Amino acid sequence: MAGKFEVYKDGAGKYRFRLKAGNGEIIAVGEAYESKAGCLNGVESVKSHAPGAQVVEND
């Protein structure tokens, strides 16, 4: 089963997204957005920028 982005409203009425793995585990969360369109833009940004993202350890 493939992962999915879920878009939802939080308790303060802001839009947020979370990325869930195929097993349903939450593996990433987005910030709070004022509009649904802004939230969807955030999802698209993650989708387009993450494939080549580096892993950086700040120990």
PDB file of N, CA and C in Angstrom:
ATOM      1  N   MET A   1       0.846  -1.181   0.000  1.00  0.00           N
ATOM      2  CA  MET A   1       0.000   0.000   0.000  1.00  0.00           C
ATOM      3  C   MET A   1       0.893   1.247   0.000  1.00  0.00           C
ATOM      4  N   ALA A   2       0.586   2.192  -0.829  1.00  0.00           N
ATOM      5  CA  ALA A   2       1.375   3.416  -0.942  1.00  0.00           C
ATOM      6  C   ALA A   2       1.064   4.393   0.182  1.00  0.00           C
ATOM      7  N   GLY A   3       1.998   5.285   0.435  1.00  0.00           N
ATOM      8  CA  GLY A   3       1.772   6.339   1.419  1.00  0.00           C
ATOM      9  C   GLY A   3       0.763   7.353   0.886  1.00  0.00           C
ATOM     10  N   LYS A   4       0.326   8.242   1.780  1.00  0.00           N
ATOM     11  CA  LYS A   4      -0.634   9.270   1.366  1.00  0.00           C
ATOM     12  C   LYS A   4      -0.480  10.513   2.216  1.00  0.00           C
ATOM     13  N   PHE A   5      -0.854  11.637   1.635  1.00  0.00           N
ATOM     14  CA  PHE A   5      -0.946  12.895   2.357  1.00  0.00           C
ATOM     15  C   PHE A   5      -2.381  13.075   2.808  1.00  0.00           C
ATOM     16  N   GLU A   6      -2.576  13.426   4.065  1.00  0.00           N
ATOM     17  CA  GLU A   6      -3.903  13.753   4.586  1.00  0.00           C
ATOM     18  C   GLU A   6      -3.938  15.242   4.919  1.00  0.00           C
ATOM     19  N   VAL A   7      -4.952  15.936   4.426  1.00  0.00           N
ATOM     20  CA  VAL A   7      -5.162  17.359   4.715  1.00  0.00           C
ATOM     21  C   VAL A   7      -6.345  17.449   5.676  1.00  0.00           C
ATOM     22  N   TYR A   8      -6.178  18.235   6.740  1.00  0.00           N
ATOM     23  CA  TYR A   8      -7.235  18.324   7.751  1.00  0.00           C
ATOM     24  C   TYR A   8      -7.178  19.686   8.444  1.00  0.00           C
ATOM     25  N   LYS A   9      -8.237  20.002   9.181  1.00  0.00           N
ATOM     26  CA  LYS A   9      -8.277  21.207  10.009  1.00  0.00           C
ATOM     27  C   LYS A   9      -7.940  20.821  11.438  1.00  0.00           C
ATOM     28  N   ASP A  10      -7.069  21.622  12.058  1.00  0.00           N
ATOM     29  CA  ASP A  10      -6.717  21.354  13.453  1.00  0.00           C
ATOM     30  C   ASP A  10      -7.733  22.010  14.390  1.00  0.00           C
ATOM     31  N   GLY A  11      -7.515  21.909  15.670  1.00  0.00           N
ATOM     32  CA  GLY A  11      -8.439  22.451  16.660  1.00  0.00           C
ATOM     33  C   GLY A  11      -8.601  23.957  16.607  1.00  0.00           C
ATOM     34  N   ALA A  12      -7.609  24.655  16.050  1.00  0.00           N
ATOM     35  CA  ALA A  12      -7.659  26.109  15.930  1.00  0.00           C
ATOM     36  C   ALA A  12      -8.250  26.557  14.594  1.00  0.00           C
ATOM     37  N   GLY A  13      -8.683  25.585  13.783  1.00  0.00           N
ATOM     38  CA  GLY A  13      -9.289  25.923  12.493  1.00  0.00           C
ATOM     39  C   GLY A  13      -8.282  26.154  11.373  1.00  0.00           C
ATOM     40  N   LYS A  14      -7.022  25.818  11.606  1.00  0.00           N
ATOM     41  CA  LYS A  14      -5.978  25.962  10.588  1.00  0.00           C
ATOM     42  C   LYS A  14      -5.871  24.659   9.796  1.00  0.00           C
ATOM     43  N   TYR A  15      -5.416  24.788   8.557  1.00  0.00           N
ATOM     44  CA  TYR A  15      -5.217  23.608   7.719  1.00  0.00           C
ATOM     45  C   TYR A  15      -3.821  23.043   7.933  1.00  0.00           C
ATOM     46  N   ARG A  16      -3.728  21.740   7.992  1.00  0.00           N
ATOM     47  CA  ARG A  16      -2.459  21.039   8.169  1.00  0.00           C
ATOM     48  C   ARG A  16      -2.457  19.812   7.274  1.00  0.00           C
ATOM     49  N   PHE A  17      -1.257  19.288   7.059  1.00  0.00           N
ATOM     50  CA  PHE A  17      -1.161  18.005   6.375  1.00  0.00           C
ATOM     51  C   PHE A  17      -0.227  17.094   7.136  1.00  0.00           C
ATOM     52  N   ARG A  18      -0.433  15.817   6.935  1.00  0.00           N
ATOM     53  CA  ARG A  18       0.478  14.812   7.466  1.00  0.00           C
ATOM     54  C   ARG A  18       0.691  13.774   6.369  1.00  0.00           C
ATOM     55  N   LEU A  19       1.892  13.236   6.347  1.00  0.00           N
ATOM     56  CA  LEU A  19       2.238  12.179   5.405  1.00  0.00           C
ATOM     57  C   LEU A  19       2.221  10.868   6.164  1.00  0.00           C
ATOM     58  N   LYS A  20       1.448   9.924   5.665  1.00  0.00           N
ATOM     59  CA  LYS A  20       1.344   8.623   6.314  1.00  0.00           C
ATOM     60  C   LYS A  20       1.962   7.555   5.418  1.00  0.00           C
ATOM     61  N   ALA A  21       2.707   6.653   6.039  1.00  0.00           N
ATOM     62  CA  ALA A  21       3.264   5.498   5.335  1.00  0.00           C
ATOM     63  C   ALA A  21       2.135   4.546   4.981  1.00  0.00           C
ATOM     64  N   GLY A  22       2.441   3.566   4.167  1.00  0.00           N
ATOM     65  CA  GLY A  22       1.448   2.584   3.756  1.00  0.00           C
ATOM     66  C   GLY A  22       0.804   1.836   4.912  1.00  0.00           C
ATOM     67  N   ASN A  23       1.520   1.720   6.028  1.00  0.00           N
ATOM     68  CA  ASN A  23       0.972   1.026   7.207  1.00  0.00           C
ATOM     69  C   ASN A  23       0.165   1.951   8.113  1.00  0.00           C
ATOM     70  N   GLY A  24       0.006   3.225   7.704  1.00  0.00           N
ATOM     71  CA  GLY A  24      -0.785   4.176   8.487  1.00  0.00           C
ATOM     72  C   GLY A  24       0.004   5.005   9.476  1.00  0.00           C
ATOM     73  N   GLU A  25       1.299   4.719   9.624  1.00  0.00           N
ATOM     74  CA  GLU A  25       2.132   5.474  10.557  1.00  0.00           C
ATOM     75  C   GLU A  25       2.417   6.873  10.019  1.00  0.00           C
ATOM     76  N   ILE A  26       2.277   7.884  10.871  1.00  0.00           N
ATOM     77  CA  ILE A  26       2.586   9.265  10.485  1.00  0.00           C
ATOM     78  C   ILE A  26       4.102   9.412  10.435  1.00  0.00           C
ATOM     79  N   ILE A  27       4.617   9.853   9.272  1.00  0.00           N
ATOM     80  CA  ILE A  27       6.065   9.983   9.114  1.00  0.00           C
ATOM     81  C   ILE A  27       6.507  11.422   8.886  1.00  0.00           C
ATOM     82  N   ALA A  28       5.560  12.329   8.642  1.00  0.00           N
ATOM     83  CA  ALA A  28       5.892  13.750   8.504  1.00  0.00           C
ATOM     84  C   ALA A  28       4.630  14.572   8.721  1.00  0.00           C
ATOM     85  N   VAL A  29       4.811  15.805   9.230  1.00  0.00           N
ATOM     86  CA  VAL A  29       3.685  16.718   9.427  1.00  0.00           C
ATOM     87  C   VAL A  29       4.069  18.099   8.901  1.00  0.00           C
ATOM     88  N   GLY A  30       3.081  18.814   8.441  1.00  0.00           N
ATOM     89  CA  GLY A  30       3.306  20.170   7.944  1.00  0.00           C
ATOM     90  C   GLY A  30       2.918  21.210   8.977  1.00  0.00           C
ATOM     91  N   GLU A  31       3.278  22.435   8.670  1.00  0.00           N
ATOM     92  CA  GLU A  31       2.934  23.559   9.546  1.00  0.00           C
ATOM     93  C   GLU A  31       1.457  23.908   9.399  1.00  0.00           C
ATOM     94  N   ALA A  32       0.976  24.875  10.166  1.00  0.00           N
ATOM     95  CA  ALA A  32      -0.407  25.341  10.077  1.00  0.00           C
ATOM     96  C   ALA A  32      -0.522  26.374   8.967  1.00  0.00           C
ATOM     97  N   TYR A  33      -1.556  26.253   8.168  1.00  0.00           N
ATOM     98  CA  TYR A  33      -1.828  27.169   7.054  1.00  0.00           C
ATOM     99  C   TYR A  33      -3.188  27.825   7.267  1.00  0.00           C
ATOM    100  N   GLU A  34      -3.300  29.060   6.848  1.00  0.00           N
ATOM    101  CA  GLU A  34      -4.567  29.790   6.955  1.00  0.00           C
ATOM    102  C   GLU A  34      -5.612  29.271   5.967  1.00  0.00           C
ATOM    103  N   SER A  35      -5.170  28.841   4.791  1.00  0.00           N
ATOM    104  CA  SER A  35      -6.105  28.409   3.755  1.00  0.00           C
ATOM    105  C   SER A  35      -5.805  26.990   3.307  1.00  0.00           C
ATOM    106  N   LYS A  36      -6.823  26.332   2.780  1.00  0.00           N
ATOM    107  CA  LYS A  36      -6.651  24.990   2.245  1.00  0.00           C
ATOM    108  C   LYS A  36      -5.718  25.033   1.039  1.00  0.00           C
ATOM    109  N   ALA A  37      -5.847  26.066   0.212  1.00  0.00           N
ATOM    110  CA  ALA A  37      -4.977  26.204  -0.960  1.00  0.00           C
ATOM    111  C   ALA A  37      -3.518  26.304  -0.545  1.00  0.00           C
ATOM    112  N   GLY A  38      -3.238  27.051   0.505  1.00  0.00           N
ATOM    113  CA  GLY A  38      -1.873  27.163   1.009  1.00  0.00           C
ATOM    114  C   GLY A  38      -1.348  25.827   1.494  1.00  0.00           C
ATOM    115  N   CYS A  39      -2.196  25.065   2.153  1.00  0.00           N
ATOM    116  CA  CYS A  39      -1.825  23.745   2.643  1.00  0.00           C
ATOM    117  C   CYS A  39      -1.519  22.813   1.477  1.00  0.00           C
ATOM    118  N   LEU A  40      -2.359  22.838   0.458  1.00  0.00           N
ATOM    119  CA  LEU A  40      -2.121  21.994  -0.713  1.00  0.00           C
ATOM    120  C   LEU A  40      -0.847  22.401  -1.438  1.00  0.00           C
ATOM    121  N   ASN A  41      -0.527  23.686  -1.442  1.00  0.00           N
ATOM    122  CA  ASN A  41       0.747  24.138  -2.007  1.00  0.00           C
ATOM    123  C   ASN A  41       1.917  23.576  -1.198  1.00  0.00           C
ATOM    124  N   GLY A  42       1.760  23.502   0.116  1.00  0.00           N
ATOM    125  CA  GLY A  42       2.785  22.916   0.971  1.00  0.00           C
ATOM    126  C   GLY A  42       3.002  21.445   0.647  1.00  0.00           C
ATOM    127  N   VAL A  43       1.924  20.723   0.407  1.00  0.00           N
ATOM    128  CA  VAL A  43       2.026  19.313   0.020  1.00  0.00           C
ATOM    129  C   VAL A  43       2.798  19.193  -1.286  1.00  0.00           C
ATOM    130  N   GLU A  44       2.437  20.009  -2.270  1.00  0.00           N
ATOM    131  CA  GLU A  44       3.114  19.953  -3.569  1.00  0.00           C
ATOM    132  C   GLU A  44       4.589  20.311  -3.440  1.00  0.00           C
ATOM    133  N   SER A  45       4.904  21.243  -2.562  1.00  0.00           N
ATOM    134  CA  SER A  45       6.296  21.618  -2.339  1.00  0.00           C
ATOM    135  C   SER A  45       7.096  20.442  -1.793  1.00  0.00           C
ATOM    136  N   VAL A  46       6.542  19.740  -0.827  1.00  0.00           N
ATOM    137  CA  VAL A  46       7.223  18.573  -0.264  1.00  0.00           C
ATOM    138  C   VAL A  46       7.401  17.513  -1.346  1.00  0.00           C
ATOM    139  N   LYS A  47       6.357  17.274  -2.118  1.00  0.00           N
ATOM    140  CA  LYS A  47       6.430  16.253  -3.154  1.00  0.00           C
ATOM    141  C   LYS A  47       7.493  16.576  -4.203  1.00  0.00           C
ATOM    142  N   SER A  48       7.634  17.840  -4.556  1.00  0.00           N
ATOM    143  CA  SER A  48       8.581  18.193  -5.611  1.00  0.00           C
ATOM    144  C   SER A  48      10.010  18.378  -5.120  1.00  0.00           C
ATOM    145  N   HIS A  49      10.204  18.766  -3.864  1.00  0.00           N
ATOM    146  CA  HIS A  49      11.544  19.038  -3.351  1.00  0.00           C
ATOM    147  C   HIS A  49      12.188  17.874  -2.602  1.00  0.00           C
ATOM    148  N   ALA A  50      11.407  16.945  -2.125  1.00  0.00           N
ATOM    149  CA  ALA A  50      11.950  15.884  -1.282  1.00  0.00           C
ATOM    150  C   ALA A  50      12.734  14.790  -2.014  1.00  0.00           C
ATOM    151  N   PRO A  51      12.449  14.473  -3.270  1.00  0.00           N
ATOM    152  CA  PRO A  51      13.156  13.336  -3.890  1.00  0.00           C
ATOM    153  C   PRO A  51      14.678  13.430  -3.841  1.00  0.00           C
ATOM    154  N   GLY A  52      15.237  14.618  -3.977  1.00  0.00           N
ATOM    155  CA  GLY A  52      16.685  14.758  -3.953  1.00  0.00           C
ATOM    156  C   GLY A  52      17.228  15.329  -2.663  1.00  0.00           C
ATOM    157  N   ALA A  53      16.389  15.397  -1.639  1.00  0.00           N
ATOM    158  CA  ALA A  53      16.810  16.013  -0.377  1.00  0.00           C
ATOM    159  C   ALA A  53      17.909  15.197   0.301  1.00  0.00           C
ATOM    160  N   GLN A  54      18.861  15.910   0.849  1.00  0.00           N
ATOM    161  CA  GLN A  54      19.950  15.281   1.581  1.00  0.00           C
ATOM    162  C   GLN A  54      19.526  14.992   3.017  1.00  0.00           C
ATOM    163  N   VAL A  55      20.162  14.016   3.604  1.00  0.00           N
ATOM    164  CA  VAL A  55      19.987  13.745   5.033  1.00  0.00           C
ATOM    165  C   VAL A  55      21.183  14.358   5.741  1.00  0.00           C
ATOM    166  N   VAL A  56      20.914  15.273   6.666  1.00  0.00           N
ATOM    167  CA  VAL A  56      21.975  15.971   7.390  1.00  0.00           C
ATOM    168  C   VAL A  56      21.798  15.691   8.873  1.00  0.00           C
ATOM    169  N   GLU A  57      22.851  15.226   9.517  1.00  0.00           N
ATOM    170  CA  GLU A  57      22.795  14.953  10.953  1.00  0.00           C
ATOM    171  C   GLU A  57      23.453  16.099  11.691  1.00  0.00           C
ATOM    172  N   ASN A  58      22.744  16.634  12.675  1.00  0.00           N
ATOM    173  CA  ASN A  58      23.255  17.728  13.494  1.00  0.00           C
ATOM    174  C   ASN A  58      23.431  17.236  14.923  1.00  0.00           C
ATOM    175  N   ASP A  59      24.443  16.449  15.137  1.00  0.00           N
ATOM    176  CA  ASP A  59      24.669  15.885  16.471  1.00  0.00           C
ATOM    177  C   ASP A  59      25.363  16.865  17.372  1.00  0.00           C
TER     178      ASP A  59
END
